Amino acid sequence: MPFMWQEIDDGILPALYAATSPQAEGGAFYGPRGFYELAGGGVTDAKVAAHATSEADARRLWEVSEKLTRVSYPASD
């Protein structure tokens, strides 16, 4: 199933685009242009799964991460 992976040079493109392109938008999520955004040449706006946008889950992940790493940051309001 060669469509399930990609070469390193192709796989890093979305991250490089997001980090360096003047056209990249803050807060956007970029992925490969190919089949189900799994692999393929080029970069496109990627879909963010609904469960990945849960503020409650994000808050819980942050709390658990601080506890496990013993590093905490002041709350931003």
Protein backbone atom coordinates (compact mmCIF):
# COMPACT_ATOMS: atom_id res chain seq x y z
CA MET A 1 0.00 0.00 0.00
CA PRO A 2 2.41 2.70 -1.17
CA PHE A 3 -0.19 5.46 -0.70
CA MET A 4 0.06 4.99 3.09
CA TRP A 5 3.51 6.55 3.43
CA GLN A 6 5.76 9.02 1.73
CA GLU A 7 9.40 9.89 1.38
CA ILE A 8 10.91 12.19 4.01
CA ASP A 9 11.37 15.03 1.52
CA ASP A 10 7.63 14.97 0.75
CA GLY A 11 6.56 14.36 4.33
CA ILE A 12 8.28 17.46 5.70
CA LEU A 13 6.80 19.83 3.11
CA PRO A 14 3.63 20.77 5.05
CA ALA A 15 5.64 21.64 8.17
CA LEU A 16 8.18 23.64 6.18
CA TYR A 17 5.40 25.46 4.35
CA ALA A 18 3.66 26.34 7.62
CA ALA A 19 6.91 27.56 9.18
CA THR A 20 8.37 29.52 6.28
CA SER A 21 5.84 30.47 3.63
CA PRO A 22 4.54 34.04 3.60
CA GLN A 23 1.25 32.58 2.30
CA ALA A 24 0.82 30.29 5.35
CA GLU A 25 -1.87 31.50 7.73
CA GLY A 26 -1.46 31.46 11.51
CA GLY A 27 -3.56 28.77 13.14
CA ALA A 28 -4.04 26.88 9.86
CA PHE A 29 -3.26 23.17 9.50
CA TYR A 30 -1.43 21.94 6.41
CA GLY A 31 -0.99 18.43 5.07
CA PRO A 32 -0.12 16.53 1.91
CA ARG A 33 -2.30 17.02 -1.14
CA GLY A 34 -2.78 13.31 -1.83
CA PHE A 35 -5.23 10.55 -1.02
CA TYR A 36 -7.08 11.31 2.25
CA GLU A 37 -4.29 13.74 3.15
CA LEU A 38 -2.08 10.74 3.95
CA ALA A 39 0.58 11.17 1.30
CA GLY A 40 1.18 12.86 -1.99
CA GLY A 41 3.09 15.67 -3.58
CA GLY A 42 2.39 19.22 -2.62
CA VAL A 43 0.77 20.98 0.31
CA THR A 44 -2.87 21.80 0.96
CA ASP A 45 -5.12 22.97 3.76
CA ALA A 46 -5.79 19.88 5.83
CA LYS A 47 -8.93 18.99 7.72
CA VAL A 48 -8.83 19.09 11.49
CA ALA A 49 -10.78 16.26 13.09
CA ALA A 50 -13.65 17.51 15.24
CA HIS A 51 -12.35 15.73 18.34
CA ALA A 52 -9.02 17.56 17.91
CA THR A 53 -10.73 20.90 18.54
CA SER A 54 -12.19 20.08 21.95
CA GLU A 55 -11.16 22.79 24.42
CA ALA A 56 -11.90 20.48 27.35
CA ASP A 57 -9.58 17.81 25.94
CA ALA A 58 -6.90 20.42 25.23
CA ARG A 59 -7.12 21.73 28.79
CA ARG A 60 -6.89 18.19 30.20
CA LEU A 61 -3.89 17.37 27.98
CA TRP A 62 -2.16 20.54 29.17
CA GLU A 63 -2.82 19.69 32.82
CA VAL A 64 -1.57 16.11 32.44
CA SER A 65 1.51 17.31 30.52
CA GLU A 66 2.38 19.80 33.26
CA LYS A 67 1.95 17.11 35.91
CA LEU A 68 4.07 14.53 34.07
CA THR A 69 6.86 16.96 33.15
CA ARG A 70 6.72 18.87 36.46
CA VAL A 71 6.82 22.06 34.42
CA SER A 72 4.03 24.60 34.65
CA TYR A 73 3.37 27.95 33.13
CA PRO A 74 1.26 30.84 34.39
CA ALA A 75 -2.30 30.79 33.09
CA SER A 76 -2.99 33.26 30.29
CA ASP A 77 -6.27 35.10 30.44
